[in-house]
C-alpha atoms as a PDB file:
ATOM      1  CA  MET A   1     -20.479  52.467 129.241  1.00  0.00           C
ATOM      2  CA  PRO A   2     -20.244  50.858 126.054  1.00  0.00           C
ATOM      3  CA  PRO A   3     -19.242  46.708 126.371  1.00  0.00           C
ATOM      4  CA  THR A   4     -15.645  45.386 126.222  1.00  0.00           C
ATOM      5  CA  PRO A   5     -14.461  44.422 123.060  1.00  0.00           C
ATOM      6  CA  ALA A   6     -14.094  40.531 122.485  1.00  0.00           C
ATOM      7  CA  VAL A   7     -10.876  41.714 121.062  1.00  0.00           C
ATOM      8  CA  GLU A   8      -8.395  44.387 120.504  1.00  0.00           C
ATOM      9  CA  ALA A   9      -5.289  44.585 118.968  1.00  0.00           C
ATOM     10  CA  GLU A  10      -3.588  48.152 118.985  1.00  0.00           C
ATOM     11  CA  ARG A  11      -0.124  48.667 116.217  1.00  0.00           C
ATOM     12  CA  LEU A  12       0.873  44.819 116.004  1.00  0.00           C
ATOM     13  CA  HIS A  13       4.159  44.813 114.437  1.00  0.00           C
ATOM     14  CA  LYS A  14       5.989  41.664 113.802  1.00  0.00           C
ATOM     15  CA  ARG A  15       9.379  41.046 112.295  1.00  0.00           C
ATOM     16  CA  TYR A  16      11.118  37.842 110.953  1.00  0.00           C
ATOM     17  CA  ARG A  17      14.833  38.756 109.920  1.00  0.00           C
ATOM     18  CA  ALA A  18      13.779  40.918 106.697  1.00  0.00           C
ATOM     19  CA  THR A  19      10.603  39.877 106.521  1.00  0.00           C
ATOM     20  CA  VAL A  20       8.070  41.875 108.187  1.00  0.00           C
ATOM     21  CA  ALA A  21       4.754  39.628 108.550  1.00  0.00           C
ATOM     22  CA  VAL A  22       2.667  42.046 110.586  1.00  0.00           C
ATOM     23  CA  ASP A  23       2.785  45.796 110.064  1.00  0.00           C
ATOM     24  CA  ASP A  24       1.145  47.839 112.283  1.00  0.00           C
ATOM     25  CA  ILE A  25      -2.176  46.080 112.629  1.00  0.00           C
ATOM     26  CA  SER A  26      -5.078  47.209 114.486  1.00  0.00           C
ATOM     27  CA  LEU A  27      -8.714  45.277 114.966  1.00  0.00           C
ATOM     28  CA  THR A  28     -11.930  45.767 117.040  1.00  0.00           C
ATOM     29  CA  VAL A  29     -14.087  42.764 117.405  1.00  0.00           C
ATOM     30  CA  GLY A  30     -17.118  42.415 119.212  1.00  0.00           C
ATOM     31  CA  THR A  31     -18.728  40.485 121.277  1.00  0.00           C
ATOM     32  CA  GLY A  32     -20.468  37.409 119.507  1.00  0.00           C
ATOM     33  CA  GLU A  33     -19.070  38.819 115.968  1.00  0.00           C
ATOM     34  CA  ILE A  34     -17.790  36.438 113.376  1.00  0.00           C
ATOM     35  CA  PHE A  35     -15.038  38.042 111.733  1.00  0.00           C
ATOM     36  CA  GLY A  36     -13.354  37.020 109.024  1.00  0.00           C
ATOM     37  CA  VAL A  37      -9.121  37.666 108.373  1.00  0.00           C
ATOM     38  CA  LEU A  38      -8.278  37.019 104.465  1.00  0.00           C
ATOM     39  CA  GLY A  39      -5.535  37.077 102.405  1.00  0.00           C
ATOM     40  CA  ARG A  40      -2.916  35.136 100.203  1.00  0.00           C
ATOM     41  CA  ASN A  41      -0.001  33.406 100.940  1.00  0.00           C
ATOM     42  CA  GLY A  42       2.502  35.592 102.722  1.00  0.00           C
ATOM     43  CA  ALA A  43      -0.035  38.566 103.981  1.00  0.00           C
ATOM     44  CA  GLY A  44       0.341  37.352 107.735  1.00  0.00           C
ATOM     45  CA  LYS A  45      -2.666  36.245 108.567  1.00  0.00           C
ATOM     46  CA  THR A  46      -1.500  33.391 110.657  1.00  0.00           C
ATOM     47  CA  THR A  47       0.495  35.392 112.552  1.00  0.00           C
ATOM     48  CA  THR A  48      -1.607  37.787 113.477  1.00  0.00           C
ATOM     49  CA  VAL A  49      -3.977  35.544 114.548  1.00  0.00           C
ATOM     50  CA  GLU A  50      -1.388  33.717 116.645  1.00  0.00           C
ATOM     51  CA  LEU A  51      -0.593  37.290 117.797  1.00  0.00           C
ATOM     52  CA  ILE A  52      -3.850  37.682 119.027  1.00  0.00           C
ATOM     53  CA  ALA A  53      -4.263  34.290 121.104  1.00  0.00           C
ATOM     54  CA  GLY A  54      -0.568  34.970 122.760  1.00  0.00           C
ATOM     55  CA  VAL A  55       1.196  32.228 120.715  1.00  0.00           C
ATOM     56  CA  ARG A  56       3.768  34.795 119.498  1.00  0.00           C
ATOM     57  CA  ARG A  57       5.037  37.883 120.840  1.00  0.00           C
ATOM     58  CA  PRO A  58       4.987  41.097 119.224  1.00  0.00           C
ATOM     59  CA  ASP A  59       7.628  43.144 118.421  1.00  0.00           C
ATOM     60  CA  ARG A  60       5.691  45.541 119.631  1.00  0.00           C
ATOM     61  CA  GLY A  61       1.742  46.252 120.280  1.00  0.00           C
ATOM     62  CA  THR A  62      -0.761  45.139 122.373  1.00  0.00           C
ATOM     63  CA  VAL A  63      -3.936  42.402 122.422  1.00  0.00           C
ATOM     64  CA  ARG A  64      -6.527  42.106 124.538  1.00  0.00           C
ATOM     65  CA  VAL A  65      -9.235  39.557 125.144  1.00  0.00           C
ATOM     66  CA  LEU A  66     -11.983  40.080 126.759  1.00  0.00           C
ATOM     67  CA  GLY A  67     -10.045  42.563 128.822  1.00  0.00           C
ATOM     68  CA  LEU A  68      -7.418  39.940 129.162  1.00  0.00           C
ATOM     69  CA  ASP A  69      -3.857  41.126 128.399  1.00  0.00           C
ATOM     70  CA  VAL A  70      -3.167  38.187 126.128  1.00  0.00           C
ATOM     71  CA  ARG A  71       0.501  37.848 127.953  1.00  0.00           C
ATOM     72  CA  ARG A  72       0.167  38.800 131.556  1.00  0.00           C
ATOM     73  CA  ASP A  73      -3.337  36.900 132.186  1.00  0.00           C
ATOM     74  CA  ARG A  74      -2.440  33.570 130.393  1.00  0.00           C
ATOM     75  CA  ALA A  75      -4.160  31.267 132.925  1.00  0.00           C
ATOM     76  CA  ARG A  76      -7.382  33.781 133.109  1.00  0.00           C
ATOM     77  CA  LEU A  77      -7.518  33.764 129.024  1.00  0.00           C
ATOM     78  CA  ARG A  78      -7.073  29.948 128.450  1.00  0.00           C
ATOM     79  CA  GLN A  79     -10.709  29.773 130.242  1.00  0.00           C
ATOM     80  CA  VAL A  80     -12.109  32.009 127.744  1.00  0.00           C
ATOM     81  CA  LEU A  81     -10.314  31.746 124.421  1.00  0.00           C
ATOM     82  CA  GLY A  82     -10.432  28.666 122.102  1.00  0.00           C
ATOM     83  CA  VAL A  83      -8.033  28.250 119.646  1.00  0.00           C
ATOM     84  CA  GLN A  84      -7.589  25.912 116.222  1.00  0.00           C
ATOM     85  CA  LEU A  85      -4.528  26.812 114.418  1.00  0.00           C
ATOM     86  CA  GLN A  86      -3.281  25.127 111.102  1.00  0.00           C
ATOM     87  CA  ASP A  87      -0.330  23.193 112.505  1.00  0.00           C
ATOM     88  CA  ALA A  88      -1.339  21.696 115.698  1.00  0.00           C
ATOM     89  CA  THR A  89       0.268  18.893 116.555  1.00  0.00           C
ATOM     90  CA  LEU A  90      -1.412  16.404 119.348  1.00  0.00           C
ATOM     91  CA  HIS A  91       0.095  13.126 120.422  1.00  0.00           C
ATOM     92  CA  GLY A  92      -0.283  10.687 117.864  1.00  0.00           C
ATOM     93  CA  ALA A  93      -0.557   7.562 120.182  1.00  0.00           C
ATOM     94  CA  LEU A  94      -3.480   8.595 121.812  1.00  0.00           C
ATOM     95  CA  THR A  95      -6.953   8.405 120.273  1.00  0.00           C
ATOM     96  CA  VAL A  96      -9.515  10.786 119.515  1.00  0.00           C
ATOM     97  CA  THR A  97     -11.518  10.379 122.920  1.00  0.00           C
ATOM     98  CA  GLU A  98      -8.501  10.396 124.650  1.00  0.00           C
ATOM     99  CA  LEU A  99      -7.602  13.464 123.615  1.00  0.00           C
ATOM    100  CA  VAL A 100     -10.866  15.099 124.105  1.00  0.00           C
ATOM    101  CA  ARG A 101     -10.830  13.422 127.777  1.00  0.00           C
ATOM    102  CA  LEU A 102      -7.753  14.910 128.281  1.00  0.00           C
ATOM    103  CA  TYR A 103      -8.263  18.819 127.243  1.00  0.00           C
ATOM    104  CA  ALA A 104     -11.482  18.142 129.375  1.00  0.00           C
ATOM    105  CA  THR A 105      -9.402  17.888 132.314  1.00  0.00           C
ATOM    106  CA  PHE A 106      -7.341  21.707 131.453  1.00  0.00           C
ATOM    107  CA  TYR A 107     -11.359  23.420 132.055  1.00  0.00           C
ATOM    108  CA  ARG A 108     -13.356  23.907 135.166  1.00  0.00           C
ATOM    109  CA  ASP A 109     -16.886  22.987 133.410  1.00  0.00           C
ATOM    110  CA  PRO A 110     -16.111  21.090 129.696  1.00  0.00           C
ATOM    111  CA  ALA A 111     -18.273  20.631 127.022  1.00  0.00           C
ATOM    112  CA  PRO A 112     -19.197  16.850 127.178  1.00  0.00           C
ATOM    113  CA  ALA A 113     -17.056  14.545 125.304  1.00  0.00           C
ATOM    114  CA  GLY A 114     -19.091  12.790 123.133  1.00  0.00           C
ATOM    115  CA  GLU A 115     -21.395  15.659 122.662  1.00  0.00           C
ATOM    116  CA  LEU A 116     -18.668  17.640 121.152  1.00  0.00           C
ATOM    117  CA  ILE A 117     -16.666  14.751 119.268  1.00  0.00           C
ATOM    118  CA  GLU A 118     -20.534  14.027 117.360  1.00  0.00           C
ATOM    119  CA  SER A 119     -20.543  17.631 116.421  1.00  0.00           C
ATOM    120  CA  VAL A 120     -17.518  17.318 115.060  1.00  0.00           C
ATOM    121  CA  GLY A 121     -18.413  14.092 113.029  1.00  0.00           C
ATOM    122  CA  LEU A 122     -15.731  12.250 114.897  1.00  0.00           C
ATOM    123  CA  THR A 123     -18.286   9.537 116.802  1.00  0.00           C
ATOM    124  CA  ALA A 124     -17.426   6.493 114.549  1.00  0.00           C
ATOM    125  CA  SER A 125     -13.555   7.485 114.507  1.00  0.00           C
ATOM    126  CA  GLY A 126     -13.080   8.030 118.564  1.00  0.00           C
ATOM    127  CA  ARG A 127     -11.039   4.799 119.221  1.00  0.00           C
ATOM    128  CA  THR A 128      -8.651   5.937 116.092  1.00  0.00           C
ATOM    129  CA  ARG A 129      -5.258   7.058 117.119  1.00  0.00           C
ATOM    130  CA  PHE A 130      -4.697  10.728 116.196  1.00  0.00           C
ATOM    131  CA  GLU A 131      -1.649   9.304 113.833  1.00  0.00           C
ATOM    132  CA  ASN A 132      -4.162   7.406 112.504  1.00  0.00           C
ATOM    133  CA  LEU A 133      -6.468  10.040 111.327  1.00  0.00           C
ATOM    134  CA  SER A 134      -7.082  11.358 107.617  1.00  0.00           C
ATOM    135  CA  GLY A 135      -5.908  15.484 107.425  1.00  0.00           C
ATOM    136  CA  GLY A 136      -9.577  16.370 107.807  1.00  0.00           C
ATOM    137  CA  GLN A 137      -9.970  14.338 110.444  1.00  0.00           C
ATOM    138  CA  GLN A 138      -7.468  15.711 112.436  1.00  0.00           C
ATOM    139  CA  GLN A 139      -8.542  18.875 111.358  1.00  0.00           C
ATOM    140  CA  ARG A 140     -12.056  18.430 112.901  1.00  0.00           C
ATOM    141  CA  LEU A 141     -10.451  17.132 116.124  1.00  0.00           C
ATOM    142  CA  SER A 142      -8.254  20.210 116.582  1.00  0.00           C
ATOM    143  CA  ILE A 143     -11.960  21.680 116.352  1.00  0.00           C
ATOM    144  CA  ALA A 144     -13.124  19.895 119.073  1.00  0.00           C
ATOM    145  CA  LEU A 145     -10.099  20.567 120.996  1.00  0.00           C
ATOM    146  CA  ALA A 146     -10.493  24.434 120.708  1.00  0.00           C
ATOM    147  CA  LEU A 147     -14.340  24.284 121.982  1.00  0.00           C
ATOM    148  CA  ILE A 148     -13.939  21.639 124.977  1.00  0.00           C
ATOM    149  CA  GLY A 149     -13.406  24.546 127.761  1.00  0.00           C
ATOM    150  CA  ARG A 150     -16.566  26.069 126.272  1.00  0.00           C
ATOM    151  CA  PRO A 151     -14.901  29.422 125.421  1.00  0.00           C
ATOM    152  CA  ARG A 152     -16.244  32.613 124.611  1.00  0.00           C
ATOM    153  CA  VAL A 153     -14.143  33.922 121.944  1.00  0.00           C
ATOM    154  CA  VAL A 154     -12.434  31.581 119.297  1.00  0.00           C
ATOM    155  CA  ILE A 155      -9.979  31.237 116.961  1.00  0.00           C
ATOM    156  CA  LEU A 156     -10.196  29.288 114.078  1.00  0.00           C
ATOM    157  CA  ASP A 157      -7.677  29.089 111.194  1.00  0.00           C
ATOM    158  CA  GLU A 158      -8.470  27.805 108.258  1.00  0.00           C
ATOM    159  CA  LEU A 159     -11.540  26.003 109.495  1.00  0.00           C
ATOM    160  CA  THR A 160     -12.641  23.550 106.640  1.00  0.00           C
ATOM    161  CA  THR A 161      -9.083  23.091 104.860  1.00  0.00           C
ATOM    162  CA  GLY A 162      -9.707  19.164 103.918  1.00  0.00           C
ATOM    163  CA  LEU A 163     -13.008  18.374 104.806  1.00  0.00           C
ATOM    164  CA  ASP A 164     -15.397  16.977 102.103  1.00  0.00           C
ATOM    165  CA  PRO A 165     -18.428  19.178 101.157  1.00  0.00           C
ATOM    166  CA  GLU A 166     -20.339  17.764 103.532  1.00  0.00           C
ATOM    167  CA  ALA A 167     -18.517  18.062 106.281  1.00  0.00           C
ATOM    168  CA  ARG A 168     -17.871  21.606 105.411  1.00  0.00           C
ATOM    169  CA  ARG A 169     -21.564  22.689 105.615  1.00  0.00           C
ATOM    170  CA  GLN A 170     -21.455  21.107 109.261  1.00  0.00           C
ATOM    171  CA  MET A 171     -18.857  22.833 110.207  1.00  0.00           C
ATOM    172  CA  TRP A 172     -20.487  26.000 109.069  1.00  0.00           C
ATOM    173  CA  ALA A 173     -23.730  24.652 110.940  1.00  0.00           C
ATOM    174  CA  THR A 174     -21.518  24.528 114.159  1.00  0.00           C
ATOM    175  CA  VAL A 175     -19.683  27.938 114.145  1.00  0.00           C
ATOM    176  CA  GLU A 176     -23.263  29.253 113.153  1.00  0.00           C
ATOM    177  CA  ARG A 177     -24.728  27.348 116.339  1.00  0.00           C
ATOM    178  CA  LEU A 178     -21.585  29.069 118.213  1.00  0.00           C
ATOM    179  CA  ARG A 179     -22.513  32.742 117.468  1.00  0.00           C
ATOM    180  CA  ASP A 180     -26.061  31.838 118.296  1.00  0.00           C
ATOM    181  CA  THR A 181     -24.841  31.414 121.973  1.00  0.00           C
ATOM    182  CA  GLY A 182     -22.716  34.592 121.810  1.00  0.00           C
ATOM    183  CA  VAL A 183     -19.832  33.227 120.934  1.00  0.00           C
ATOM    184  CA  THR A 184     -16.853  35.460 119.238  1.00  0.00           C
ATOM    185  CA  ILE A 185     -15.086  33.894 116.127  1.00  0.00           C
ATOM    186  CA  LEU A 186     -12.286  35.328 114.672  1.00  0.00           C
ATOM    187  CA  LEU A 187     -11.785  33.305 111.254  1.00  0.00           C
ATOM    188  CA  VAL A 188      -8.670  32.836 109.176  1.00  0.00           C
ATOM    189  CA  SER A 189      -9.511  31.341 106.069  1.00  0.00           C
ATOM    190  CA  HIS A 190      -9.304  31.780 102.490  1.00  0.00           C
ATOM    191  CA  ALA A 191     -12.066  30.098 101.106  1.00  0.00           C
ATOM    192  CA  MET A 192     -14.901  33.378  99.804  1.00  0.00           C
ATOM    193  CA  GLU A 193     -18.234  31.210  99.975  1.00  0.00           C
ATOM    194  CA  GLU A 194     -17.225  30.274 103.710  1.00  0.00           C
ATOM    195  CA  VAL A 195     -16.514  34.171 104.446  1.00  0.00           C
ATOM    196  CA  GLU A 196     -19.444  35.041 102.674  1.00  0.00           C
ATOM    197  CA  ARG A 197     -21.812  33.294 104.397  1.00  0.00           C
ATOM    198  CA  LEU A 198     -20.274  33.500 108.085  1.00  0.00           C
ATOM    199  CA  CYS A 199     -18.511  36.775 108.350  1.00  0.00           C
ATOM    200  CA  ASP A 200     -20.295  39.806 109.751  1.00  0.00           C
ATOM    201  CA  ARG A 201     -16.905  41.946 109.157  1.00  0.00           C
ATOM    202  CA  VAL A 202     -13.335  40.782 106.861  1.00  0.00           C
ATOM    203  CA  ALA A 203     -10.439  42.444 107.106  1.00  0.00           C
ATOM    204  CA  LEU A 204      -8.141  42.068 103.759  1.00  0.00           C
ATOM    205  CA  LEU A 205      -4.508  41.706 104.716  1.00  0.00           C
ATOM    206  CA  ASP A 206      -1.986  42.603 102.016  1.00  0.00           C
ATOM    207  CA  ALA A 207       1.439  41.888 102.660  1.00  0.00           C
ATOM    208  CA  GLY A 208       1.233  42.385 106.528  1.00  0.00           C
ATOM    209  CA  ARG A 209      -1.445  45.677 106.498  1.00  0.00           C
ATOM    210  CA  VAL A 210      -5.257  45.964 107.144  1.00  0.00           C
ATOM    211  CA  VAL A 211      -6.259  47.339 103.682  1.00  0.00           C
ATOM    212  CA  ALA A 212      -9.543  47.116 104.020  1.00  0.00           C
ATOM    213  CA  LEU A 213     -12.561  46.198 106.795  1.00  0.00           C
ATOM    214  CA  ASP A 214     -15.812  46.092 106.445  1.00  0.00           C
ATOM    215  CA  SER A 215     -18.809  43.744 105.910  1.00  0.00           C
ATOM    216  CA  PRO A 216     -18.239  41.410 102.852  1.00  0.00           C
ATOM    217  CA  GLU A 217     -21.368  42.916 100.959  1.00  0.00           C
ATOM    218  CA  GLY A 218     -19.438  46.644 102.101  1.00  0.00           C
ATOM    219  CA  LEU A 219     -16.303  45.469 100.734  1.00  0.00           C
ATOM    220  CA  ILE A 220     -17.993  44.611  97.488  1.00  0.00           C
ATOM    221  CA  GLU A 221     -19.020  48.604  97.461  1.00  0.00           C
ATOM    222  CA  GLN A 222     -15.461  49.761  98.496  1.00  0.00           C
ATOM    223  CA  ALA A 223     -14.480  48.204  95.316  1.00  0.00           C
ATOM    224  CA  GLY A 224     -17.192  50.230  93.614  1.00  0.00           C
ATOM    225  CA  PHE A 225     -18.973  47.508  92.108  1.00  0.00           C
ATOM    226  CA  VAL A 226     -22.492  47.419  91.185  1.00  0.00           C
ATOM    227  CA  GLN A 227     -25.347  45.246  91.076  1.00  0.00           C
ATOM    228  CA  ARG A 228     -27.354  44.976  87.746  1.00  0.00           C
ATOM    229  CA  VAL A 229     -30.942  43.484  86.986  1.00  0.00           C
ATOM    230  CA  THR A 230     -32.440  42.775  83.734  1.00  0.00           C
ATOM    231  CA  PHE A 231     -35.661  42.144  82.732  1.00  0.00           C
ATOM    232  CA  ARG A 232     -38.555  42.362  80.017  1.00  0.00           C
ATOM    233  CA  ALA A 233     -41.611  43.449  80.789  1.00  0.00           C
ATOM    234  CA  ALA A 234     -45.281  42.908  79.586  1.00  0.00           C
ATOM    235  CA  THR A 235     -46.947  45.732  80.105  1.00  0.00           C
ATOM    236  CA  PRO A 236     -45.171  49.566  80.511  1.00  0.00           C
ATOM    237  CA  VAL A 237     -43.046  50.185  83.433  1.00  0.00           C
ATOM    238  CA  PRO A 238     -44.535  53.475  85.283  1.00  0.00           C
ATOM    239  CA  GLU A 239     -42.523  56.511  84.942  1.00  0.00           C
ATOM    240  CA  GLY A 240     -39.977  56.704  87.961  1.00  0.00           C
ATOM    241  CA  LEU A 241     -41.183  53.839  89.764  1.00  0.00           C
ATOM    242  CA  LEU A 242     -37.627  52.116  89.961  1.00  0.00           C
ATOM    243  CA  GLU A 243     -35.975  55.567  89.679  1.00  0.00           C
ATOM    244  CA  GLY A 244     -37.809  56.449  93.481  1.00  0.00           C
ATOM    245  CA  LEU A 245     -36.445  53.040  94.807  1.00  0.00           C
ATOM    246  CA  GLY A 246     -33.548  53.948  97.494  1.00  0.00           C
ATOM    247  CA  GLU A 247     -31.478  50.876  96.183  1.00  0.00           C
ATOM    248  CA  VAL A 248     -31.540  51.942  92.621  1.00  0.00           C
ATOM    249  CA  GLU A 249     -28.718  54.150  90.960  1.00  0.00           C
ATOM    250  CA  ARG A 250     -29.994  53.703  87.238  1.00  0.00           C
ATOM    251  CA  VAL A 251     -32.167  52.916  84.827  1.00  0.00           C
ATOM    252  CA  ARG A 252     -31.939  52.477  81.548  1.00  0.00           C
ATOM    253  CA  ALA A 253     -33.594  50.715  78.155  1.00  0.00           C
ATOM    254  CA  ASP A 254     -31.410  48.012  76.102  1.00  0.00           C
ATOM    255  CA  GLY A 255     -32.692  46.775  72.911  1.00  0.00           C
ATOM    256  CA  GLY A 256     -36.505  45.955  74.657  1.00  0.00           C
ATOM    257  CA  ARG A 257     -35.107  45.265  77.774  1.00  0.00           C
ATOM    258  CA  VAL A 258     -34.804  47.171  81.237  1.00  0.00           C
ATOM    259  CA  VAL A 259     -31.749  47.337  82.749  1.00  0.00           C
ATOM    260  CA  VAL A 260     -31.414  48.634  86.607  1.00  0.00           C
ATOM    261  CA  GLU A 261     -28.196  49.163  88.504  1.00  0.00           C
ATOM    262  CA  GLY A 262     -27.765  49.583  92.112  1.00  0.00           C
ATOM    263  CA  ARG A 263     -26.785  48.177  95.840  1.00  0.00           C
ATOM    264  CA  GLY A 264     -28.440  46.122  98.603  1.00  0.00           C
ATOM    265  CA  ASP A 265     -30.940  44.156  98.320  1.00  0.00           C
ATOM    266  CA  LEU A 266     -31.991  45.254  94.152  1.00  0.00           C
ATOM    267  CA  LEU A 267     -33.308  42.583  93.107  1.00  0.00           C
ATOM    268  CA  GLN A 268     -35.896  42.642  96.018  1.00  0.00           C
ATOM    269  CA  ALA A 269     -36.628  46.256  95.907  1.00  0.00           C
ATOM    270  CA  VAL A 270     -37.244  46.054  92.299  1.00  0.00           C
ATOM    271  CA  SER A 271     -39.462  42.938  92.175  1.00  0.00           C
ATOM    272  CA  VAL A 272     -41.879  44.159  94.963  1.00  0.00           C
ATOM    273  CA  ALA A 273     -42.118  47.366  92.884  1.00  0.00           C
ATOM    274  CA  LEU A 274     -43.113  45.986  90.226  1.00  0.00           C
ATOM    275  CA  VAL A 275     -45.399  43.222  91.592  1.00  0.00           C
ATOM    276  CA  ARG A 276     -47.319  45.886  93.422  1.00  0.00           C
ATOM    277  CA  ALA A 277     -47.311  48.520  90.354  1.00  0.00           C
ATOM    278  CA  GLY A 278     -49.278  45.196  88.457  1.00  0.00           C
ATOM    279  CA  VAL A 279     -46.049  44.987  85.674  1.00  0.00           C
ATOM    280  CA  VAL A 280     -45.292  41.483  84.751  1.00  0.00           C
ATOM    281  CA  ALA A 281     -41.443  40.762  84.540  1.00  0.00           C
ATOM    282  CA  THR A 282     -40.066  38.333  82.399  1.00  0.00           C
ATOM    283  CA  GLU A 283     -36.712  36.897  82.037  1.00  0.00           C
ATOM    284  CA  THR A 284     -35.293  38.866  84.868  1.00  0.00           C
ATOM    285  CA  ARG A 285     -31.380  38.507  85.946  1.00  0.00           C
ATOM    286  CA  SER A 286     -29.473  39.390  88.372  1.00  0.00           C
ATOM    287  CA  GLU A 287     -26.098  40.068  88.577  1.00  0.00           C
ATOM    288  CA  GLN A 288     -24.021  40.817  91.236  1.00  0.00           C
ATOM    289  CA  ALA A 289     -20.255  40.872  92.217  1.00  0.00           C
ATOM    290  CA  ARG A 290     -18.544  38.718  94.717  1.00  0.00           C
ATOM    291  CA  LEU A 291     -16.148  39.093  97.277  1.00  0.00           C
ATOM    292  CA  ASP A 292     -13.156  37.393  95.070  1.00  0.00           C
ATOM    293  CA  ASP A 293     -13.685  40.206  92.437  1.00  0.00           C
ATOM    294  CA  ALA A 294     -13.543  42.817  95.240  1.00  0.00           C
ATOM    295  CA  PHE A 295     -10.806  41.376  96.675  1.00  0.00           C
ATOM    296  CA  LEU A 296      -8.768  41.664  93.490  1.00  0.00           C
ATOM    297  CA  ALA A 297      -9.923  45.538  93.308  1.00  0.00           C
ATOM    298  CA  LEU A 298      -8.759  46.363  96.722  1.00  0.00           C
ATOM    299  CA  THR A 299      -5.285  44.166  96.757  1.00  0.00           C
ATOM    300  CA  GLY A 300      -4.369  44.175  92.998  1.00  0.00           C
ATOM    301  CA  ARG A 301      -4.220  40.597  93.804  1.00  0.00           C
ATOM    302  CA  ARG A 302      -6.128  37.537  93.568  1.00  0.00           C
ATOM    303  CA  LEU A 303      -6.844  35.057  95.946  1.00  0.00           C
ATOM    304  CA  ASP A 304      -5.748  31.987  94.500  1.00  0.00           C
ATOM    305  CA  PRO A 305      -7.608  29.302  96.439  1.00  0.00           C
ATOM    306  CA  GLU A 306      -5.089  26.179  96.287  1.00  0.00           C
ATOM    307  CA  GLU A 307      -2.762  28.284  98.210  1.00  0.00           C
ATOM    308  CA  GLU A 308      -1.856  27.297 101.785  1.00  0.00           C
ATOM    309  CA  THR A 309      -2.207  29.906 103.635  1.00  0.00           C
ATOM    310  CA  ARG A 310       0.415  31.623 106.091  1.00  0.00           C
END
């Protein structure tokens, strides 16, 4: 019998007056997966994860998290699901440490408060009131509170918004450690580098619908992009050497240079083949499309990283 998916959302629909925010979205997220949700402002990302978290009620459709109905099994769900949303509001007069200890009382086996505060880089701000924290510090605290109950599934909405580069890398490392312990993560983000580094699969949303769903590499392939490796060879390349590689789709000469087009780990495949054949390659260059190129090709829109997502 196959394992129960971490998240099963079936035909979710949500309308706000004349605006359809989520239009018949279905998603299945595997256990231990980092699943990205990517889209422009107004694409329906935050509404989708709020429906999955049970924060909002869908007009129609169903959601189960680890087999639990998010509406009927709310008490049990709170023990296995951690949620960090963009617009979370906390008591301004409580300090970081007080808030973490307060949230710890909601769970049977909470994570140690001090370790959790340290993991999000707030040890020096433990006695600072929430109202006096910077936006980035408030974001880190929200993440700590989402993790206090040792959840098996975590929803993170714009994980690194407002964080400096060092704090952003620290958050990425935290997410990777969570995945290594088997935690499933649903990550809403507009940061392409973040999605490419962290996510196993990504759903591209546009106008409340899923327009593409695949790994970051798979989305680039869906968009029709190929990789290109160019080099000069100090000695002749044996005939058929590169054409026989599974990653290679085309090989051509271009003004003394060899141009190889293909997919997958093309650069490594070409490099290994040349070394084994004793061919010395110089001026090697690799060109590869990125996820933002795929997003534009698949949705017809460019994702503005400065947008506030919703």
